[in-house]
Amino acid sequence: MNKIELLAPAGDLERLKTAILFGADAVFIGGKQFSLRSRASNFDLATIQEAVNFAHQHNSRVHVTVNMIPHQDDLEGLDEYLIALDAIGVDAIIVASVYILKRAKALTKNFEIHISTQYSITNSKTIQFYKKLGADRVVLARENSLSELKLLKEHSSLPLEVFIHGGMCVNYSGRCTLSNYMTLRDANRGGCAQSCRWNYEIFDQKTTISDEKVLFSMSSKDLNAIDVLPDLIKMGIASLKIEGRMKTEYYIATIVSAYRRAIDDLYKGSLTSDAVVLAAKRELLNAENRETFSGFYLSQPNRSGHLYGVNGANVNQNFVAKVLNYDATTNLATLEIRNHFSKGDRLEVFGPTLKPTSFVSQKMINSDNEITHRFFKPMEVVLLEVPFVVNEGDFVRKSLL
């Protein structure tokens, strides 16, 4: 059995490199054309080439989203773009249009074609349909339960990809078309206004029935499928997808490394499934900005899977610094500050080659070369004594323990 693929998001080249270095088997990115997430940085062709070169040097793959649902005037330049992606050497494209699929099959010969989750695939007959058209993989609807996934796997003739973490942004369990209706910003062409997370007044006829202090909102909690990770591996799912091309470098590093470690530990079998899941749950909390739940995997979501009356977004300030350098003779790490912390705080460092390792902050030197007891200026370059070797690119955060 092939080892399951861990597929991570990246909104720019720096985040792509982070995802790969922290353990992603593949990364999905958006180009400047034909891609959703219009507010993401996205990649021009030259940067896609650089991304592919870096990924292949690290035995990883690059999937490019060509997943816009195109209107008539969106199709200009499509053929040239597909041919360019093929020449660059991308490993797969993700499509949400039969026309784009057919053009890719007619014009290219190297990359795979994956069917986007926007098609909301929930049955094997649809999978067979796309196989006949030349698709190489399908990204299933987020609304499938574990039992339904098992049936799809038994009857599927294509590799299956599922989402395991992040926002539940999809048109009928998400509420994406509200954006089109209320703001004329097309969610399925990258302009979603996140209308599901707005606060609303509720009216019964002309009478307001909502509480002025707690207005109504109706967004889904974010997906966290760590509880069913052993089941997904056991049933032979091909790829596990993390949502979040708009997310930060720290978020990507944390989520990818947590799932990477969990997947590797499950394959090695050195720990029980329960122990692996528990350890991963603790790690994932370090990057949680919104409440999470298991999506549709274990049951039909009820009230507990939604956020009512509050927007549900919190600012996670665990991430405090990024390592720029380390002097092993003085034990001083050069850091770039992101959030405040003080002398005596318990901190934790983790990186591509360093499991989360904690220590108590002691010697602190600010950018004026002064001993201090607190760092609080974002992007200030400082020195911090760290009693073990850390490396450029490692992340420093406050310990939750």
Protein backbone atom coordinates (compact mmCIF):
# COMPACT_ATOMS: atom_id res chain seq x y z
CA MET A 1 0.00 0.00 0.00
CA ASN A 2 1.31 3.42 -0.94
CA LYS A 3 1.81 5.77 1.98
CA ILE A 4 -0.92 8.37 2.21
CA GLU A 5 -0.08 11.81 0.80
CA LEU A 6 -0.09 14.89 3.04
CA LEU A 7 -1.15 17.84 0.88
CA ALA A 8 -0.60 21.36 2.24
CA PRO A 9 -1.65 24.85 1.08
CA ALA A 10 0.66 27.72 0.18
CA GLY A 11 -0.23 31.30 -0.71
CA ASP A 12 3.30 32.28 -1.74
CA LEU A 13 6.76 30.81 -2.28
CA GLU A 14 7.89 31.28 1.33
CA ARG A 15 4.91 29.36 2.65
CA LEU A 16 5.42 26.66 0.03
CA LYS A 17 8.97 26.13 1.21
CA THR A 18 7.81 26.05 4.82
CA ALA A 19 5.14 23.44 4.07
CA ILE A 20 7.63 21.20 2.28
CA LEU A 21 10.39 21.56 4.87
CA PHE A 22 7.93 20.74 7.65
CA GLY A 23 6.83 17.53 5.97
CA ALA A 24 4.28 18.04 3.19
CA ASP A 25 4.41 15.41 0.44
CA ALA A 26 2.71 17.85 -1.91
CA VAL A 27 1.63 21.49 -1.95
CA PHE A 28 -1.26 23.11 -3.77
CA ILE A 29 -0.91 26.66 -5.02
CA GLY A 30 -2.85 29.14 -7.13
CA GLY A 31 -1.60 30.90 -10.20
CA LYS A 32 -2.34 34.48 -11.17
CA GLN A 33 -4.94 33.17 -13.62
CA PHE A 34 -7.91 30.79 -13.38
CA SER A 35 -7.55 30.30 -9.61
CA LEU A 36 -9.76 30.96 -6.62
CA ARG A 37 -8.57 32.87 -3.53
CA SER A 38 -8.15 36.23 -5.25
CA ARG A 39 -6.72 37.76 -2.06
CA ALA A 40 -3.91 35.21 -1.79
CA SER A 41 -0.54 36.33 -3.14
CA ASN A 42 -0.62 33.62 -5.82
CA PHE A 43 2.15 32.62 -8.22
CA ASP A 44 3.13 33.90 -11.62
CA LEU A 45 4.65 31.42 -14.07
CA ALA A 46 8.23 32.23 -13.09
CA THR A 47 7.44 31.66 -9.41
CA ILE A 48 5.59 28.42 -10.21
CA GLN A 49 8.77 27.24 -11.93
CA GLU A 50 10.79 28.11 -8.82
CA ALA A 51 8.24 26.33 -6.65
CA VAL A 52 8.38 23.20 -8.79
CA ASN A 53 12.18 23.18 -8.74
CA PHE A 54 12.27 23.49 -4.94
CA ALA A 55 9.57 20.86 -4.44
CA HIS A 56 11.20 18.31 -6.73
CA GLN A 57 14.57 18.83 -5.06
CA HIS A 58 12.83 17.81 -1.81
CA ASN A 59 10.85 14.90 -3.32
CA SER A 60 7.57 16.79 -3.08
CA ARG A 61 4.89 17.59 -5.65
CA VAL A 62 3.17 20.79 -6.76
CA HIS A 63 -0.55 20.92 -7.60
CA VAL A 64 -1.82 24.10 -9.25
CA THR A 65 -5.43 25.19 -8.83
CA VAL A 66 -7.09 25.96 -12.15
CA ASN A 67 -10.37 25.76 -10.29
CA MET A 68 -12.25 28.91 -11.23
CA ILE A 69 -15.78 28.26 -12.50
CA PRO A 70 -15.28 30.33 -15.64
CA HIS A 71 -17.64 32.81 -17.24
CA GLN A 72 -17.29 33.46 -20.95
CA ASP A 73 -14.71 36.24 -20.62
CA ASP A 74 -12.60 34.18 -18.19
CA LEU A 75 -11.41 31.73 -20.85
CA GLU A 76 -9.02 34.00 -22.72
CA GLY A 77 -5.47 32.65 -22.51
CA LEU A 78 -6.50 29.28 -21.03
CA ASP A 79 -4.78 27.10 -23.64
CA GLU A 80 -1.49 28.99 -23.38
CA TYR A 81 -1.63 28.79 -19.58
CA LEU A 82 -2.20 25.02 -19.52
CA ILE A 83 0.65 24.45 -21.99
CA ALA A 84 2.95 26.63 -19.87
CA LEU A 85 2.11 24.69 -16.68
CA ASP A 86 2.84 21.44 -18.49
CA ALA A 87 6.21 22.73 -19.70
CA ILE A 88 7.12 23.95 -16.21
CA GLY A 89 6.64 20.44 -14.82
CA VAL A 90 3.81 20.86 -12.32
CA ASP A 91 2.61 17.50 -11.06
CA ALA A 92 -1.15 18.11 -11.14
CA ILE A 93 -3.82 20.69 -11.78
CA ILE A 94 -7.12 20.93 -9.91
CA VAL A 95 -10.14 21.78 -12.06
CA ALA A 96 -13.80 22.66 -11.51
CA SER A 97 -14.82 22.83 -15.17
CA VAL A 98 -15.33 19.99 -17.64
CA TYR A 99 -14.21 22.32 -20.42
CA ILE A 100 -10.89 23.03 -18.68
CA LEU A 101 -10.46 19.29 -18.05
CA LYS A 102 -10.98 18.55 -21.74
CA ARG A 103 -8.62 21.28 -22.87
CA ALA A 104 -5.95 20.00 -20.48
CA LYS A 105 -6.32 16.47 -21.85
CA ALA A 106 -6.08 17.73 -25.43
CA LEU A 107 -3.10 20.05 -24.93
CA THR A 108 -0.89 18.50 -22.24
CA LYS A 109 0.77 15.20 -21.49
CA ASN A 110 2.70 15.42 -18.21
CA PHE A 111 0.57 16.52 -15.27
CA GLU A 112 -2.33 14.74 -13.59
CA ILE A 113 -5.83 16.27 -13.57
CA HIS A 114 -7.67 16.33 -10.24
CA ILE A 115 -11.38 17.11 -9.90
CA SER A 116 -12.08 19.90 -7.40
CA THR A 117 -14.18 19.54 -4.27
CA GLN A 118 -16.43 22.19 -5.83
CA TYR A 119 -18.14 19.40 -7.74
CA SER A 120 -19.35 18.03 -4.36
CA ILE A 121 -18.74 14.41 -5.36
CA THR A 122 -20.61 11.96 -3.11
CA ASN A 123 -21.12 8.85 -5.28
CA SER A 124 -19.07 6.39 -7.32
CA LYS A 125 -21.01 6.89 -10.57
CA THR A 126 -19.81 10.50 -10.68
CA ILE A 127 -16.25 9.31 -10.10
CA GLN A 128 -16.61 6.89 -13.03
CA PHE A 129 -17.90 9.75 -15.19
CA TYR A 130 -14.82 11.86 -14.54
CA LYS A 131 -12.52 8.89 -15.07
CA LYS A 132 -13.99 8.46 -18.57
CA LEU A 133 -13.19 12.11 -19.22
CA GLY A 134 -9.57 11.50 -18.25
CA ALA A 135 -9.37 12.59 -14.60
CA ASP A 136 -6.62 11.06 -12.47
CA ARG A 137 -7.99 11.85 -8.97
CA VAL A 138 -11.12 13.29 -7.35
CA VAL A 139 -11.29 15.59 -4.34
CA LEU A 140 -14.44 14.49 -2.56
CA ALA A 141 -17.16 16.65 -1.05
CA ARG A 142 -16.63 17.58 2.57
CA GLU A 143 -20.14 16.23 3.30
CA ASN A 144 -19.14 12.54 3.09
CA SER A 145 -19.20 10.51 6.31
CA LEU A 146 -16.62 7.86 7.15
CA SER A 147 -19.05 5.07 6.22
CA GLU A 148 -19.77 6.78 2.89
CA LEU A 149 -16.05 7.19 2.24
CA LYS A 150 -15.55 3.48 2.81
CA LEU A 151 -18.22 2.66 0.21
CA LEU A 152 -16.75 5.17 -2.24
CA LYS A 153 -13.29 3.64 -1.80
CA GLU A 154 -14.66 0.13 -2.40
CA HIS A 155 -16.42 1.19 -5.62
CA SER A 156 -14.05 3.91 -6.84
CA SER A 157 -11.85 3.53 -9.87
CA LEU A 158 -9.79 6.65 -9.07
CA PRO A 159 -7.61 7.73 -6.13
CA LEU A 160 -9.57 9.73 -3.55
CA GLU A 161 -8.52 12.95 -1.84
CA VAL A 162 -10.28 14.33 1.25
CA PHE A 163 -9.99 17.42 3.42
CA ILE A 164 -8.74 16.93 6.97
CA HIS A 165 -8.20 20.42 8.39
CA GLY A 166 -9.28 24.03 8.00
CA GLY A 167 -12.29 26.07 6.92
CA MET A 168 -15.45 24.35 5.71
CA CYS A 169 -15.62 26.56 2.62
CA VAL A 170 -17.86 24.76 0.15
CA ASN A 171 -21.09 25.85 -1.39
CA TYR A 172 -23.73 23.87 0.46
CA SER A 173 -22.19 23.12 3.87
CA GLY A 174 -20.40 26.45 3.73
CA ARG A 175 -22.78 29.25 2.63
CA CYS A 176 -20.52 30.59 -0.04
CA THR A 177 -23.21 31.74 -2.47
CA LEU A 178 -24.45 34.28 0.11
CA SER A 179 -21.42 36.33 -0.93
CA ASN A 180 -22.64 36.43 -4.53
CA TYR A 181 -26.14 37.44 -3.48
CA MET A 182 -25.30 40.12 -0.94
CA THR A 183 -22.06 41.66 -2.24
CA LEU A 184 -21.83 40.64 -5.91
CA ARG A 185 -18.44 39.14 -5.02
CA ASP A 186 -18.35 35.72 -6.65
CA ALA A 187 -17.26 33.07 -4.16
CA ASN A 188 -16.65 30.57 -6.94
CA ARG A 189 -14.33 32.94 -8.76
CA GLY A 190 -12.23 33.83 -5.72
CA GLY A 191 -14.05 36.84 -4.32
CA CYS A 192 -15.83 35.41 -1.27
CA ALA A 193 -16.78 38.09 1.28
CA GLN A 194 -17.15 35.43 4.04
CA SER A 195 -20.79 36.37 4.50
CA CYS A 196 -21.33 33.30 6.69
CA ARG A 197 -19.17 34.93 9.37
CA TRP A 198 -20.99 38.26 9.44
CA ASN A 199 -23.23 39.27 12.33
CA TYR A 200 -26.90 39.73 11.45
CA GLU A 201 -30.04 41.19 12.95
CA ILE A 202 -33.00 38.81 12.73
CA PHE A 203 -36.48 40.05 11.95
CA ASP A 204 -39.89 38.44 12.36
CA GLN A 205 -41.89 40.49 9.90
CA LYS A 206 -40.89 44.00 11.01
CA THR A 207 -39.94 43.14 14.58
CA THR A 208 -36.30 42.65 15.50
CA ILE A 209 -35.91 39.44 17.52
CA SER A 210 -32.13 39.30 17.77
CA ASP A 211 -30.23 40.40 20.85
CA GLU A 212 -28.50 43.74 20.24
CA LYS A 213 -25.46 42.57 22.22
CA VAL A 214 -25.16 39.16 20.55
CA LEU A 215 -26.14 39.31 16.91
CA PHE A 216 -26.79 36.18 14.87
CA SER A 217 -24.04 34.50 12.85
CA MET A 218 -24.03 31.10 11.20
CA SER A 219 -20.56 29.96 10.24
CA SER A 220 -19.38 26.40 10.48
CA LYS A 221 -16.64 25.53 12.92
CA ASP A 222 -13.36 24.66 11.21
CA LEU A 223 -12.59 21.06 10.33
CA ASN A 224 -10.19 19.01 12.46
CA ALA A 225 -10.15 15.35 11.38
CA ILE A 226 -7.34 14.09 13.58
CA ASP A 227 -9.74 11.70 15.36
CA VAL A 228 -10.39 9.81 12.12
CA LEU A 229 -6.85 9.91 10.73
CA PRO A 230 -6.24 6.20 11.53
CA ASP A 231 -9.49 5.31 9.72
CA LEU A 232 -8.58 7.30 6.62
CA ILE A 233 -5.19 5.62 6.43
CA LYS A 234 -6.68 2.17 6.99
CA MET A 235 -9.29 2.52 4.22
CA GLY A 236 -6.65 3.58 1.67
CA ILE A 237 -7.50 7.20 0.97
CA ALA A 238 -4.83 8.57 -1.40
CA SER A 239 -4.39 12.12 -0.11
CA LEU A 240 -5.17 14.22 2.97
CA LYS A 241 -5.69 17.90 2.21
CA ILE A 242 -5.20 20.84 4.56
CA GLU A 243 -7.19 23.98 3.69
CA GLY A 244 -5.61 27.42 4.00
CA ARG A 245 -3.79 29.18 1.16
CA MET A 246 -4.52 32.40 3.04
CA LYS A 247 -3.02 31.12 6.32
CA THR A 248 0.28 32.20 7.84
CA GLU A 249 3.66 30.53 7.64
CA TYR A 250 3.47 29.63 11.34
CA TYR A 251 0.02 28.08 10.92
CA ILE A 252 1.21 25.95 8.02
CA ALA A 253 4.34 24.83 9.87
CA THR A 254 2.33 23.84 12.95
CA ILE A 255 -0.49 22.00 11.19
CA VAL A 256 1.74 20.22 8.66
CA SER A 257 4.26 19.08 11.27
CA ALA A 258 1.48 17.78 13.55
CA TYR A 259 -0.10 15.65 10.83
CA ARG A 260 3.30 14.61 9.45
CA ARG A 261 4.35 13.24 12.83
CA ALA A 262 1.00 11.56 13.38
CA ILE A 263 1.01 9.88 9.94
CA ASP A 264 4.58 8.64 10.37
CA ASP A 265 3.89 7.32 13.88
CA LEU A 266 0.79 5.46 12.71
CA TYR A 267 2.68 3.79 9.86
CA LYS A 268 5.55 2.83 12.17
CA GLY A 269 3.10 1.35 14.68
CA SER A 270 5.36 2.18 17.62
CA LEU A 271 2.50 3.97 19.43
CA THR A 272 -1.17 3.18 19.80
CA SER A 273 -3.60 5.08 17.59
CA ASP A 274 -5.08 6.75 20.67
CA ALA A 275 -1.66 7.99 21.79
CA VAL A 276 -0.84 9.34 18.32
CA VAL A 277 -4.17 11.16 18.05
CA LEU A 278 -3.87 12.65 21.54
CA ALA A 279 -0.36 14.00 20.87
CA ALA A 280 -1.47 15.51 17.56
CA LYS A 281 -4.51 17.14 19.16
CA ARG A 282 -2.27 18.93 21.63
CA GLU A 283 0.03 20.11 18.86
CA LEU A 284 -2.81 21.36 16.66
CA LEU A 285 -4.11 23.57 19.46
CA ASN A 286 -1.03 25.75 19.01
CA ALA A 287 -2.43 27.14 15.75
CA GLU A 288 -6.15 27.14 16.46
CA ASN A 289 -7.85 30.47 15.75
CA ARG A 290 -11.42 29.19 15.53
CA GLU A 291 -13.25 26.36 17.25
CA THR A 292 -12.99 23.04 15.41
CA PHE A 293 -15.03 19.86 15.01
CA SER A 294 -14.86 16.60 13.06
CA GLY A 295 -17.02 17.82 10.17
CA PHE A 296 -19.28 15.21 8.57
CA TYR A 297 -16.97 12.29 9.25
CA LEU A 298 -18.53 10.99 12.47
CA SER A 299 -22.07 12.37 12.26
CA GLN A 300 -24.31 14.86 10.53
CA PRO A 301 -23.28 18.21 12.03
CA ASN A 302 -25.75 19.62 14.51
CA ARG A 303 -25.79 22.80 16.55
CA SER A 304 -22.43 21.88 18.14
CA GLY A 305 -20.74 22.05 14.73
CA HIS A 306 -21.67 25.67 14.16
CA LEU A 307 -20.90 29.06 15.63
CA TYR A 308 -24.07 30.97 16.45
CA GLY A 309 -24.25 34.45 17.90
CA VAL A 310 -20.51 35.07 17.69
CA ASN A 311 -18.13 35.40 14.79
CA GLY A 312 -15.90 32.77 16.32
CA ALA A 313 -12.55 34.16 15.23
CA ASN A 314 -9.81 34.67 17.80
CA VAL A 315 -6.29 35.97 17.37
CA ASN A 316 -3.82 33.26 18.34
CA GLN A 317 -0.75 34.92 19.87
CA ASN A 318 1.19 31.76 20.75
CA PHE A 319 3.69 32.39 17.95
CA VAL A 320 6.25 34.84 19.35
CA ALA A 321 9.36 34.71 17.15
CA LYS A 322 11.20 33.17 14.23
CA VAL A 323 14.81 32.03 14.50
CA LEU A 324 17.28 33.84 12.23
CA ASN A 325 20.53 32.45 13.60
CA TYR A 326 22.08 30.59 16.54
CA ASP A 327 25.51 30.95 18.17
CA ALA A 328 26.40 27.67 19.85
CA THR A 329 29.32 29.27 21.74
CA THR A 330 27.07 31.76 23.57
CA ASN A 331 23.75 29.87 23.35
CA LEU A 332 22.22 33.08 21.96
CA ALA A 333 19.57 32.80 19.26
CA THR A 334 18.89 35.74 16.96
CA LEU A 335 15.13 36.12 16.73
CA GLU A 336 12.65 38.19 14.75
CA ILE A 337 9.80 39.06 17.12
CA ARG A 338 6.13 38.48 16.22
CA ASN A 339 4.29 38.71 19.58
CA HIS A 340 5.21 39.80 23.10
CA PHE A 341 6.73 37.58 25.77
CA SER A 342 8.64 38.15 29.01
CA LYS A 343 11.46 36.79 31.09
CA GLY A 344 10.27 33.69 32.93
CA ASP A 345 7.77 32.66 30.25
CA ARG A 346 7.85 29.02 29.23
CA LEU A 347 8.60 28.88 25.51
CA GLU A 348 8.83 26.12 22.94
CA VAL A 349 10.88 25.84 19.74
CA PHE A 350 10.04 23.56 16.82
CA GLY A 351 11.37 23.19 13.31
CA PRO A 352 11.82 20.81 10.37
CA THR A 353 14.45 18.84 12.30
CA LEU A 354 13.45 19.78 15.87
CA LYS A 355 10.49 18.34 17.74
CA PRO A 356 8.78 20.85 20.08
CA THR A 357 11.31 21.48 22.85
CA SER A 358 10.57 23.78 25.79
CA PHE A 359 12.64 26.06 28.02
CA VAL A 360 12.13 29.09 30.26
CA SER A 361 13.19 32.44 28.81
CA GLN A 362 15.99 34.08 30.80
CA LYS A 363 18.67 36.24 29.19
CA MET A 364 17.04 38.72 26.79
CA ILE A 365 18.88 41.40 24.76
CA ASN A 366 16.96 43.91 22.65
CA SER A 367 17.95 45.54 19.35
CA ASP A 368 19.78 48.32 21.25
CA ASN A 369 22.00 45.65 22.83
CA GLU A 370 20.36 46.24 26.23
CA ILE A 371 19.42 43.57 28.75
CA THR A 372 15.62 43.59 29.02
CA HIS A 373 12.83 41.61 30.64
CA ARG A 374 10.28 41.83 27.79
CA PHE A 375 10.10 41.75 23.99
CA PHE A 376 7.03 43.43 22.52
CA LYS A 377 7.97 45.16 19.23
CA PRO A 378 6.90 43.15 16.15
CA MET A 379 9.77 42.48 13.70
CA GLU A 380 12.44 43.67 16.16
CA VAL A 381 15.62 41.59 15.85
CA VAL A 382 16.77 40.48 19.31
CA LEU A 383 18.92 37.96 21.13
CA LEU A 384 17.54 35.27 23.44
CA GLU A 385 19.45 32.63 25.36
CA VAL A 386 18.27 29.16 24.30
CA PRO A 387 19.84 26.15 26.09
CA PHE A 388 19.83 23.87 23.03
CA VAL A 389 20.71 24.18 19.36
CA VAL A 390 18.10 25.79 17.13
CA ASN A 391 18.25 26.55 13.42
CA GLU A 392 17.32 29.30 11.01
CA GLY A 393 13.64 28.99 10.17
CA ASP A 394 12.60 27.37 13.46
CA PHE A 395 9.58 28.87 15.22
CA VAL A 396 9.33 30.01 18.85
CA ARG A 397 5.97 30.00 20.63
CA LYS A 398 4.54 30.16 24.12
CA SER A 399 4.12 26.71 25.64
CA LEU A 400 0.54 25.59 26.29
CA LEU A 401 1.66 23.19 29.04
